[in-house]
mmCIF file of all heavy atoms, coordinates in Angstrom:
data_MODEL
# 
_entry.id   MODEL 
# 
loop_
_atom_site.group_PDB 
_atom_site.id 
_atom_site.type_symbol 
_atom_site.label_atom_id 
_atom_site.label_alt_id 
_atom_site.label_comp_id 
_atom_site.label_asym_id 
_atom_site.label_entity_id 
_atom_site.label_seq_id 
_atom_site.pdbx_PDB_ins_code 
_atom_site.Cartn_x 
_atom_site.Cartn_y 
_atom_site.Cartn_z 
_atom_site.occupancy 
_atom_site.B_iso_or_equiv 
_atom_site.pdbx_formal_charge 
_atom_site.auth_seq_id 
_atom_site.auth_comp_id 
_atom_site.auth_asym_id 
_atom_site.auth_atom_id 
_atom_site.pdbx_PDB_model_num 
ATOM 1   N N   . ILE A 1 1  ? -8.418  -30.843 -3.074  1.00 0.00 ? 1  ILE A N   1 
ATOM 2   C CA  . ILE A 1 1  ? -8.435  -29.385 -3.126  1.00 0.00 ? 1  ILE A CA  1 
ATOM 3   C C   . ILE A 1 1  ? -8.338  -28.971 -4.588  1.00 0.00 ? 1  ILE A C   1 
ATOM 4   O O   . ILE A 1 1  ? -7.410  -29.349 -5.294  1.00 0.00 ? 1  ILE A O   1 
ATOM 5   C CB  . ILE A 1 1  ? -7.273  -28.787 -2.309  1.00 0.00 ? 1  ILE A CB  1 
ATOM 6   C CG1 . ILE A 1 1  ? -7.425  -29.177 -0.843  1.00 0.00 ? 1  ILE A CG1 1 
ATOM 7   C CG2 . ILE A 1 1  ? -7.205  -27.275 -2.480  1.00 0.00 ? 1  ILE A CG2 1 
ATOM 8   C CD1 . ILE A 1 1  ? -6.239  -28.826 0.021   1.00 0.00 ? 1  ILE A CD1 1 
ATOM 9   N N   . LYS A 1 2  ? -9.327  -28.206 -5.053  1.00 0.00 ? 2  LYS A N   1 
ATOM 10  C CA  . LYS A 1 2  ? -9.362  -27.748 -6.447  1.00 0.00 ? 2  LYS A CA  1 
ATOM 11  C C   . LYS A 1 2  ? -8.732  -26.364 -6.533  1.00 0.00 ? 2  LYS A C   1 
ATOM 12  O O   . LYS A 1 2  ? -9.107  -25.455 -5.805  1.00 0.00 ? 2  LYS A O   1 
ATOM 13  C CB  . LYS A 1 2  ? -10.802 -27.662 -6.944  1.00 0.00 ? 2  LYS A CB  1 
ATOM 14  C CG  . LYS A 1 2  ? -11.583 -28.942 -6.797  1.00 0.00 ? 2  LYS A CG  1 
ATOM 15  C CD  . LYS A 1 2  ? -11.364 -29.837 -7.966  1.00 0.00 ? 2  LYS A CD  1 
ATOM 16  C CE  . LYS A 1 2  ? -12.311 -31.022 -7.825  1.00 0.00 ? 2  LYS A CE  1 
ATOM 17  N NZ  . LYS A 1 2  ? -11.908 -32.144 -8.554  1.00 0.00 ? 2  LYS A NZ  1 
ATOM 18  N N   . ILE A 1 3  ? -7.790  -26.216 -7.411  1.00 0.00 ? 3  ILE A N   1 
ATOM 19  C CA  . ILE A 1 3  ? -7.118  -24.941 -7.622  1.00 0.00 ? 3  ILE A CA  1 
ATOM 20  C C   . ILE A 1 3  ? -7.648  -24.344 -8.925  1.00 0.00 ? 3  ILE A C   1 
ATOM 21  O O   . ILE A 1 3  ? -7.516  -24.949 -9.984  1.00 0.00 ? 3  ILE A O   1 
ATOM 22  C CB  . ILE A 1 3  ? -5.582  -25.119 -7.716  1.00 0.00 ? 3  ILE A CB  1 
ATOM 23  C CG1 . ILE A 1 3  ? -5.029  -25.864 -6.511  1.00 0.00 ? 3  ILE A CG1 1 
ATOM 24  C CG2 . ILE A 1 3  ? -4.904  -23.775 -7.914  1.00 0.00 ? 3  ILE A CG2 1 
ATOM 25  C CD1 . ILE A 1 3  ? -5.203  -25.164 -5.209  1.00 0.00 ? 3  ILE A CD1 1 
ATOM 26  N N   . LYS A 1 4  ? -8.278  -23.155 -8.825  1.00 0.00 ? 4  LYS A N   1 
ATOM 27  C CA  . LYS A 1 4  ? -8.779  -22.489 -10.023 1.00 0.00 ? 4  LYS A CA  1 
ATOM 28  C C   . LYS A 1 4  ? -7.611  -21.909 -10.815 1.00 0.00 ? 4  LYS A C   1 
ATOM 29  O O   . LYS A 1 4  ? -6.705  -21.310 -10.244 1.00 0.00 ? 4  LYS A O   1 
ATOM 30  C CB  . LYS A 1 4  ? -9.722  -21.336 -9.649  1.00 0.00 ? 4  LYS A CB  1 
ATOM 31  C CG  . LYS A 1 4  ? -11.093 -21.752 -9.302  1.00 0.00 ? 4  LYS A CG  1 
ATOM 32  C CD  . LYS A 1 4  ? -12.101 -20.627 -9.174  1.00 0.00 ? 4  LYS A CD  1 
ATOM 33  C CE  . LYS A 1 4  ? -11.607 -19.248 -9.020  1.00 0.00 ? 4  LYS A CE  1 
ATOM 34  N NZ  . LYS A 1 4  ? -12.648 -18.230 -8.850  1.00 0.00 ? 4  LYS A NZ  1 
ATOM 35  N N   . GLU A 1 5  ? -7.659  -22.108 -12.104 1.00 0.00 ? 5  GLU A N   1 
ATOM 36  C CA  . GLU A 1 5  ? -6.657  -21.500 -12.973 1.00 0.00 ? 5  GLU A CA  1 
ATOM 37  C C   . GLU A 1 5  ? -6.933  -20.009 -13.053 1.00 0.00 ? 5  GLU A C   1 
ATOM 38  O O   . GLU A 1 5  ? -8.079  -19.586 -13.141 1.00 0.00 ? 5  GLU A O   1 
ATOM 39  C CB  . GLU A 1 5  ? -6.703  -22.118 -14.361 1.00 0.00 ? 5  GLU A CB  1 
ATOM 40  C CG  . GLU A 1 5  ? -6.240  -23.561 -14.407 1.00 0.00 ? 5  GLU A CG  1 
ATOM 41  C CD  . GLU A 1 5  ? -4.759  -23.717 -14.110 1.00 0.00 ? 5  GLU A CD  1 
ATOM 42  O OE1 . GLU A 1 5  ? -3.960  -22.846 -14.528 1.00 0.00 ? 5  GLU A OE1 1 
ATOM 43  O OE2 . GLU A 1 5  ? -4.388  -24.708 -13.470 1.00 0.00 ? 5  GLU A OE2 1 
ATOM 44  N N   . LYS A 1 6  ? -5.883  -19.220 -13.007 1.00 0.00 ? 6  LYS A N   1 
ATOM 45  C CA  . LYS A 1 6  ? -6.025  -17.770 -13.114 1.00 0.00 ? 6  LYS A CA  1 
ATOM 46  C C   . LYS A 1 6  ? -5.525  -17.326 -14.474 1.00 0.00 ? 6  LYS A C   1 
ATOM 47  O O   . LYS A 1 6  ? -4.626  -17.944 -15.048 1.00 0.00 ? 6  LYS A O   1 
ATOM 48  C CB  . LYS A 1 6  ? -5.216  -17.066 -12.021 1.00 0.00 ? 6  LYS A CB  1 
ATOM 49  C CG  . LYS A 1 6  ? -5.763  -17.302 -10.647 1.00 0.00 ? 6  LYS A CG  1 
ATOM 50  C CD  . LYS A 1 6  ? -5.044  -16.433 -9.652  1.00 0.00 ? 6  LYS A CD  1 
ATOM 51  C CE  . LYS A 1 6  ? -5.689  -16.612 -8.295  1.00 0.00 ? 6  LYS A CE  1 
ATOM 52  N NZ  . LYS A 1 6  ? -5.213  -15.654 -7.345  1.00 0.00 ? 6  LYS A NZ  1 
ATOM 53  N N   . LYS A 1 7  ? -6.130  -16.251 -14.958 1.00 0.00 ? 7  LYS A N   1 
ATOM 54  C CA  . LYS A 1 7  ? -5.655  -15.685 -16.208 1.00 0.00 ? 7  LYS A CA  1 
ATOM 55  C C   . LYS A 1 7  ? -4.259  -15.125 -15.994 1.00 0.00 ? 7  LYS A C   1 
ATOM 56  O O   . LYS A 1 7  ? -3.991  -14.495 -14.982 1.00 0.00 ? 7  LYS A O   1 
ATOM 57  C CB  . LYS A 1 7  ? -6.579  -14.564 -16.671 1.00 0.00 ? 7  LYS A CB  1 
ATOM 58  C CG  . LYS A 1 7  ? -7.936  -15.017 -17.099 1.00 0.00 ? 7  LYS A CG  1 
ATOM 59  C CD  . LYS A 1 7  ? -8.754  -13.827 -17.555 1.00 0.00 ? 7  LYS A CD  1 
ATOM 60  C CE  . LYS A 1 7  ? -10.166 -14.239 -17.865 1.00 0.00 ? 7  LYS A CE  1 
ATOM 61  N NZ  . LYS A 1 7  ? -10.993 -13.091 -18.231 1.00 0.00 ? 7  LYS A NZ  1 
ATOM 62  N N   . LYS A 1 8  ? -3.415  -15.375 -16.957 1.00 0.00 ? 8  LYS A N   1 
ATOM 63  C CA  . LYS A 1 8  ? -2.069  -14.815 -16.876 1.00 0.00 ? 8  LYS A CA  1 
ATOM 64  C C   . LYS A 1 8  ? -2.095  -13.422 -17.470 1.00 0.00 ? 8  LYS A C   1 
ATOM 65  O O   . LYS A 1 8  ? -2.725  -13.183 -18.490 1.00 0.00 ? 8  LYS A O   1 
ATOM 66  C CB  . LYS A 1 8  ? -1.095  -15.713 -17.621 1.00 0.00 ? 8  LYS A CB  1 
ATOM 67  C CG  . LYS A 1 8  ? -0.951  -17.064 -16.971 1.00 0.00 ? 8  LYS A CG  1 
ATOM 68  C CD  . LYS A 1 8  ? 0.065   -17.908 -17.671 1.00 0.00 ? 8  LYS A CD  1 
ATOM 69  C CE  . LYS A 1 8  ? 0.372   -19.116 -16.856 1.00 0.00 ? 8  LYS A CE  1 
ATOM 70  N NZ  . LYS A 1 8  ? -0.351  -20.268 -17.089 1.00 0.00 ? 8  LYS A NZ  1 
ATOM 71  N N   . GLY A 1 9  ? -1.460  -12.501 -16.812 1.00 0.00 ? 9  GLY A N   1 
ATOM 72  C CA  . GLY A 1 9  ? -1.450  -11.143 -17.318 1.00 0.00 ? 9  GLY A CA  1 
ATOM 73  C C   . GLY A 1 9  ? -0.260  -10.379 -16.788 1.00 0.00 ? 9  GLY A C   1 
ATOM 74  O O   . GLY A 1 9  ? -0.128  -10.184 -15.588 1.00 0.00 ? 9  GLY A O   1 
ATOM 75  N N   . PHE A 1 10 ? 0.598   -9.979  -17.676 1.00 0.00 ? 10 PHE A N   1 
ATOM 76  C CA  . PHE A 1 10 ? 1.808   -9.259  -17.285 1.00 0.00 ? 10 PHE A CA  1 
ATOM 77  C C   . PHE A 1 10 ? 1.474   -7.909  -16.682 1.00 0.00 ? 10 PHE A C   1 
ATOM 78  O O   . PHE A 1 10 ? 2.020   -7.538  -15.649 1.00 0.00 ? 10 PHE A O   1 
ATOM 79  C CB  . PHE A 1 10 ? 2.731   -9.107  -18.498 1.00 0.00 ? 10 PHE A CB  1 
ATOM 80  C CG  . PHE A 1 10 ? 3.968   -8.320  -18.207 1.00 0.00 ? 10 PHE A CG  1 
ATOM 81  C CD1 . PHE A 1 10 ? 4.995   -8.886  -17.479 1.00 0.00 ? 10 PHE A CD1 1 
ATOM 82  C CD2 . PHE A 1 10 ? 4.095   -7.013  -18.637 1.00 0.00 ? 10 PHE A CD2 1 
ATOM 83  C CE1 . PHE A 1 10 ? 6.143   -8.167  -17.190 1.00 0.00 ? 10 PHE A CE1 1 
ATOM 84  C CE2 . PHE A 1 10 ? 5.229   -6.285  -18.353 1.00 0.00 ? 10 PHE A CE2 1 
ATOM 85  C CZ  . PHE A 1 10 ? 6.251   -6.862  -17.631 1.00 0.00 ? 10 PHE A CZ  1 
ATOM 86  N N   . ILE A 1 11 ? 0.561   -7.167  -17.319 1.00 0.00 ? 11 ILE A N   1 
ATOM 87  C CA  . ILE A 1 11 ? 0.239   -5.815  -16.854 1.00 0.00 ? 11 ILE A CA  1 
ATOM 88  C C   . ILE A 1 11 ? -0.391  -5.861  -15.470 1.00 0.00 ? 11 ILE A C   1 
ATOM 89  O O   . ILE A 1 11 ? -0.023  -5.083  -14.586 1.00 0.00 ? 11 ILE A O   1 
ATOM 90  C CB  . ILE A 1 11 ? -0.697  -5.100  -17.863 1.00 0.00 ? 11 ILE A CB  1 
ATOM 91  C CG1 . ILE A 1 11 ? -0.023  -4.958  -19.222 1.00 0.00 ? 11 ILE A CG1 1 
ATOM 92  C CG2 . ILE A 1 11 ? -1.141  -3.741  -17.332 1.00 0.00 ? 11 ILE A CG2 1 
ATOM 93  C CD1 . ILE A 1 11 ? 1.237   -4.118  -19.217 1.00 0.00 ? 11 ILE A CD1 1 
ATOM 94  N N   . ARG A 1 12 ? -1.349  -6.774  -15.262 1.00 0.00 ? 12 ARG A N   1 
ATOM 95  C CA  . ARG A 1 12 ? -2.005  -6.867  -13.952 1.00 0.00 ? 12 ARG A CA  1 
ATOM 96  C C   . ARG A 1 12 ? -1.010  -7.221  -12.861 1.00 0.00 ? 12 ARG A C   1 
ATOM 97  O O   . ARG A 1 12 ? -1.057  -6.680  -11.763 1.00 0.00 ? 12 ARG A O   1 
ATOM 98  C CB  . ARG A 1 12 ? -3.131  -7.897  -13.994 1.00 0.00 ? 12 ARG A CB  1 
ATOM 99  C CG  . ARG A 1 12 ? -4.233  -7.482  -14.912 1.00 0.00 ? 12 ARG A CG  1 
ATOM 100 C CD  . ARG A 1 12 ? -5.394  -8.394  -14.913 1.00 0.00 ? 12 ARG A CD  1 
ATOM 101 N NE  . ARG A 1 12 ? -5.094  -9.792  -14.711 1.00 0.00 ? 12 ARG A NE  1 
ATOM 102 C CZ  . ARG A 1 12 ? -6.011  -10.731 -14.680 1.00 0.00 ? 12 ARG A CZ  1 
ATOM 103 N NH1 . ARG A 1 12 ? -7.268  -10.430 -14.853 1.00 0.00 ? 12 ARG A NH1 1 
ATOM 104 N NH2 . ARG A 1 12 ? -5.676  -11.982 -14.476 1.00 0.00 ? 12 ARG A NH2 1 
ATOM 105 N N   . THR A 1 13 ? -0.106  -8.133  -13.161 1.00 0.00 ? 13 THR A N   1 
ATOM 106 C CA  . THR A 1 13 ? 0.907   -8.521  -12.180 1.00 0.00 ? 13 THR A CA  1 
ATOM 107 C C   . THR A 1 13 ? 1.848   -7.360  -11.896 1.00 0.00 ? 13 THR A C   1 
ATOM 108 O O   . THR A 1 13 ? 2.196   -7.092  -10.740 1.00 0.00 ? 13 THR A O   1 
ATOM 109 C CB  . THR A 1 13 ? 1.703   -9.735  -12.694 1.00 0.00 ? 13 THR A CB  1 
ATOM 110 O OG1 . THR A 1 13 ? 0.787   -10.800 -12.957 1.00 0.00 ? 13 THR A OG1 1 
ATOM 111 C CG2 . THR A 1 13 ? 2.732   -10.182 -11.683 1.00 0.00 ? 13 THR A CG2 1 
ATOM 112 N N   . LEU A 1 14 ? 2.249   -6.651  -12.935 1.00 0.00 ? 14 LEU A N   1 
ATOM 113 C CA  . LEU A 1 14 ? 3.151   -5.519  -12.774 1.00 0.00 ? 14 LEU A CA  1 
ATOM 114 C C   . LEU A 1 14 ? 2.505   -4.405  -11.948 1.00 0.00 ? 14 LEU A C   1 
ATOM 115 O O   . LEU A 1 14 ? 3.113   -3.878  -11.013 1.00 0.00 ? 14 LEU A O   1 
ATOM 116 C CB  . LEU A 1 14 ? 3.575   -4.983  -14.149 1.00 0.00 ? 14 LEU A CB  1 
ATOM 117 C CG  . LEU A 1 14 ? 4.584   -3.853  -14.138 1.00 0.00 ? 14 LEU A CG  1 
ATOM 118 C CD1 . LEU A 1 14 ? 5.925   -4.338  -13.600 1.00 0.00 ? 14 LEU A CD1 1 
ATOM 119 C CD2 . LEU A 1 14 ? 4.763   -3.310  -15.539 1.00 0.00 ? 14 LEU A CD2 1 
ATOM 120 N N   . VAL A 1 15 ? 1.255   -4.071  -12.257 1.00 0.00 ? 15 VAL A N   1 
ATOM 121 C CA  . VAL A 1 15 ? 0.562   -3.007  -11.530 1.00 0.00 ? 15 VAL A CA  1 
ATOM 122 C C   . VAL A 1 15 ? 0.323   -3.421  -10.073 1.00 0.00 ? 15 VAL A C   1 
ATOM 123 O O   . VAL A 1 15 ? 0.598   -2.654  -9.144  1.00 0.00 ? 15 VAL A O   1 
ATOM 124 C CB  . VAL A 1 15 ? -0.772  -2.632  -12.223 1.00 0.00 ? 15 VAL A CB  1 
ATOM 125 C CG1 . VAL A 1 15 ? -1.601  -1.709  -11.355 1.00 0.00 ? 15 VAL A CG1 1 
ATOM 126 C CG2 . VAL A 1 15 ? -0.505  -2.002  -13.567 1.00 0.00 ? 15 VAL A CG2 1 
ATOM 127 N N   . GLY A 1 16 ? -0.173  -4.626  -9.853  1.00 0.00 ? 16 GLY A N   1 
ATOM 128 C CA  . GLY A 1 16 ? -0.423  -5.099  -8.490  1.00 0.00 ? 16 GLY A CA  1 
ATOM 129 C C   . GLY A 1 16 ? 0.846   -5.173  -7.664  1.00 0.00 ? 16 GLY A C   1 
ATOM 130 O O   . GLY A 1 16 ? 0.882   -4.762  -6.501  1.00 0.00 ? 16 GLY A O   1 
ATOM 131 N N   . GLY A 1 17 ? 1.910   -5.694  -8.257  1.00 0.00 ? 17 GLY A N   1 
ATOM 132 C CA  . GLY A 1 17 ? 3.186   -5.774  -7.553  1.00 0.00 ? 17 GLY A CA  1 
ATOM 133 C C   . GLY A 1 17 ? 3.768   -4.412  -7.235  1.00 0.00 ? 17 GLY A C   1 
ATOM 134 O O   . GLY A 1 17 ? 4.361   -4.197  -6.171  1.00 0.00 ? 17 GLY A O   1 
ATOM 135 N N   . THR A 1 18 ? 3.578   -3.476  -8.154  1.00 0.00 ? 18 THR A N   1 
ATOM 136 C CA  . THR A 1 18 ? 4.072   -2.118  -7.930  1.00 0.00 ? 18 THR A CA  1 
ATOM 137 C C   . THR A 1 18 ? 3.322   -1.444  -6.787  1.00 0.00 ? 18 THR A C   1 
ATOM 138 O O   . THR A 1 18 ? 3.932   -0.823  -5.907  1.00 0.00 ? 18 THR A O   1 
ATOM 139 C CB  . THR A 1 18 ? 3.942   -1.276  -9.214  1.00 0.00 ? 18 THR A CB  1 
ATOM 140 O OG1 . THR A 1 18 ? 4.695   -1.918  -10.250 1.00 0.00 ? 18 THR A OG1 1 
ATOM 141 C CG2 . THR A 1 18 ? 4.442   0.125   -9.012  1.00 0.00 ? 18 THR A CG2 1 
ATOM 142 N N   . ILE A 1 19 ? 2.000   -1.583  -6.775  1.00 0.00 ? 19 ILE A N   1 
ATOM 143 C CA  . ILE A 1 19 ? 1.211   -0.999  -5.686  1.00 0.00 ? 19 ILE A CA  1 
ATOM 144 C C   . ILE A 1 19 ? 1.608   -1.626  -4.348  1.00 0.00 ? 19 ILE A C   1 
ATOM 145 O O   . ILE A 1 19 ? 1.817   -0.924  -3.356  1.00 0.00 ? 19 ILE A O   1 
ATOM 146 C CB  . ILE A 1 19 ? -0.297  -1.181  -5.949  1.00 0.00 ? 19 ILE A CB  1 
ATOM 147 C CG1 . ILE A 1 19 ? -0.723  -0.313  -7.130  1.00 0.00 ? 19 ILE A CG1 1 
ATOM 148 C CG2 . ILE A 1 19 ? -1.114  -0.830  -4.706  1.00 0.00 ? 19 ILE A CG2 1 
ATOM 149 C CD1 . ILE A 1 19 ? -2.119  -0.598  -7.632  1.00 0.00 ? 19 ILE A CD1 1 
ATOM 150 N N   . PHE A 1 20 ? 1.730   -2.953  -4.313  1.00 0.00 ? 20 PHE A N   1 
ATOM 151 C CA  . PHE A 1 20 ? 2.129   -3.630  -3.080  1.00 0.00 ? 20 PHE A CA  1 
ATOM 152 C C   . PHE A 1 20 ? 3.519   -3.177  -2.642  1.00 0.00 ? 20 PHE A C   1 
ATOM 153 O O   . PHE A 1 20 ? 3.746   -2.864  -1.469  1.00 0.00 ? 20 PHE A O   1 
ATOM 154 C CB  . PHE A 1 20 ? 2.113   -5.151  -3.280  1.00 0.00 ? 20 PHE A CB  1 
ATOM 155 C CG  . PHE A 1 20 ? 2.514   -5.919  -2.066  1.00 0.00 ? 20 PHE A CG  1 
ATOM 156 C CD1 . PHE A 1 20 ? 1.627   -6.118  -1.028  1.00 0.00 ? 20 PHE A CD1 1 
ATOM 157 C CD2 . PHE A 1 20 ? 3.791   -6.450  -1.968  1.00 0.00 ? 20 PHE A CD2 1 
ATOM 158 C CE1 . PHE A 1 20 ? 2.004   -6.832  0.099   1.00 0.00 ? 20 PHE A CE1 1 
ATOM 159 C CE2 . PHE A 1 20 ? 4.171   -7.164  -0.848  1.00 0.00 ? 20 PHE A CE2 1 
ATOM 160 C CZ  . PHE A 1 20 ? 3.274   -7.358  0.189   1.00 0.00 ? 20 PHE A CZ  1 
ATOM 161 N N   . GLY A 1 21 ? 4.461   -3.125  -3.581  1.00 0.00 ? 21 GLY A N   1 
ATOM 162 C CA  . GLY A 1 21 ? 5.830   -2.728  -3.256  1.00 0.00 ? 21 GLY A CA  1 
ATOM 163 C C   . GLY A 1 21 ? 5.932   -1.294  -2.767  1.00 0.00 ? 21 GLY A C   1 
ATOM 164 O O   . GLY A 1 21 ? 6.683   -0.991  -1.838  1.00 0.00 ? 21 GLY A O   1 
ATOM 165 N N   . LEU A 1 22 ? 5.165   -0.399  -3.399  1.00 0.00 ? 22 LEU A N   1 
ATOM 166 C CA  . LEU A 1 22 ? 5.175   0.993   -2.948  1.00 0.00 ? 22 LEU A CA  1 
ATOM 167 C C   . LEU A 1 22 ? 4.606   1.123   -1.544  1.00 0.00 ? 22 LEU A C   1 
ATOM 168 O O   . LEU A 1 22 ? 5.133   1.879   -0.718  1.00 0.00 ? 22 LEU A O   1 
ATOM 169 C CB  . LEU A 1 22 ? 4.383   1.871   -3.920  1.00 0.00 ? 22 LEU A CB  1 
ATOM 170 C CG  . LEU A 1 22 ? 5.067   2.169   -5.250  1.00 0.00 ? 22 LEU A CG  1 
ATOM 171 C CD1 . LEU A 1 22 ? 4.108   2.871   -6.192  1.00 0.00 ? 22 LEU A CD1 1 
ATOM 172 C CD2 . LEU A 1 22 ? 6.321   2.992   -5.030  1.00 0.00 ? 22 LEU A CD2 1 
ATOM 173 N N   . GLY A 1 23 ? 3.531   0.394   -1.271  1.00 0.00 ? 23 GLY A N   1 
ATOM 174 C CA  . GLY A 1 23 ? 2.956   0.420   0.075   1.00 0.00 ? 23 GLY A CA  1 
ATOM 175 C C   . GLY A 1 23 ? 3.947   -0.092  1.107   1.00 0.00 ? 23 GLY A C   1 
ATOM 176 O O   . GLY A 1 23 ? 4.102   0.479   2.197   1.00 0.00 ? 23 GLY A O   1 
ATOM 177 N N   . TRP A 1 24 ? 4.638   -1.162  0.760   1.00 0.00 ? 24 TRP A N   1 
ATOM 178 C CA  . TRP A 1 24 ? 5.638   -1.745  1.648   1.00 0.00 ? 24 TRP A CA  1 
ATOM 179 C C   . TRP A 1 24 ? 6.765   -0.732  1.878   1.00 0.00 ? 24 TRP A C   1 
ATOM 180 O O   . TRP A 1 24 ? 7.211   -0.513  3.008   1.00 0.00 ? 24 TRP A O   1 
ATOM 181 C CB  . TRP A 1 24 ? 6.171   -3.004  1.004   1.00 0.00 ? 24 TRP A CB  1 
ATOM 182 C CG  . TRP A 1 24 ? 7.050   -3.875  1.849   1.00 0.00 ? 24 TRP A CG  1 
ATOM 183 C CD1 . TRP A 1 24 ? 7.798   -3.507  2.935   1.00 0.00 ? 24 TRP A CD1 1 
ATOM 184 C CD2 . TRP A 1 24 ? 7.274   -5.261  1.673   1.00 0.00 ? 24 TRP A CD2 1 
ATOM 185 N NE1 . TRP A 1 24 ? 8.488   -4.579  3.430   1.00 0.00 ? 24 TRP A NE1 1 
ATOM 186 C CE2 . TRP A 1 24 ? 8.177   -5.678  2.668   1.00 0.00 ? 24 TRP A CE2 1 
ATOM 187 C CE3 . TRP A 1 24 ? 6.837   -6.189  0.772   1.00 0.00 ? 24 TRP A CE3 1 
ATOM 188 C CZ2 . TRP A 1 24 ? 8.629   -6.985  2.778   1.00 0.00 ? 24 TRP A CZ2 1 
ATOM 189 C CZ3 . TRP A 1 24 ? 7.284   -7.490  0.897   1.00 0.00 ? 24 TRP A CZ3 1 
ATOM 190 C CH2 . TRP A 1 24 ? 8.161   -7.883  1.893   1.00 0.00 ? 24 TRP A CH2 1 
# 
Protein backbone atom coordinates (compact mmCIF):
# COMPACT_ATOMS: atom_id res chain seq x y z
CA ILE A 1 0.00 0.00 0.00
CA LYS A 2 1.54 3.30 -1.13
CA ILE A 3 0.87 6.31 1.06
CA LYS A 4 1.13 9.67 -0.73
CA GLU A 5 2.97 12.33 1.20
CA LYS A 6 0.82 15.37 1.87
CA LYS A 7 1.98 18.93 2.05
CA LYS A 8 2.19 20.14 5.59
CA GLY A 9 0.31 23.32 6.23
CA PHE A 10 -0.67 24.89 9.51
CA ILE A 11 -3.23 27.28 8.02
CA ARG A 12 -5.00 24.60 5.97
CA THR A 13 -5.18 22.30 8.97
CA LEU A 14 -6.43 25.10 11.21
CA VAL A 15 -9.12 26.22 8.75
CA GLY A 16 -10.28 22.67 7.95
CA GLY A 17 -10.36 21.68 11.61
CA THR A 18 -12.27 24.81 12.52
CA ILE A 19 -14.90 24.22 9.83
CA PHE A 20 -15.26 20.57 10.90
CA GLY A 21 -15.45 21.51 14.59
CA LEU A 22 -18.03 24.23 14.01
CA GLY A 23 -20.18 21.84 12.00
CA TRP A 24 -19.91 19.25 14.75
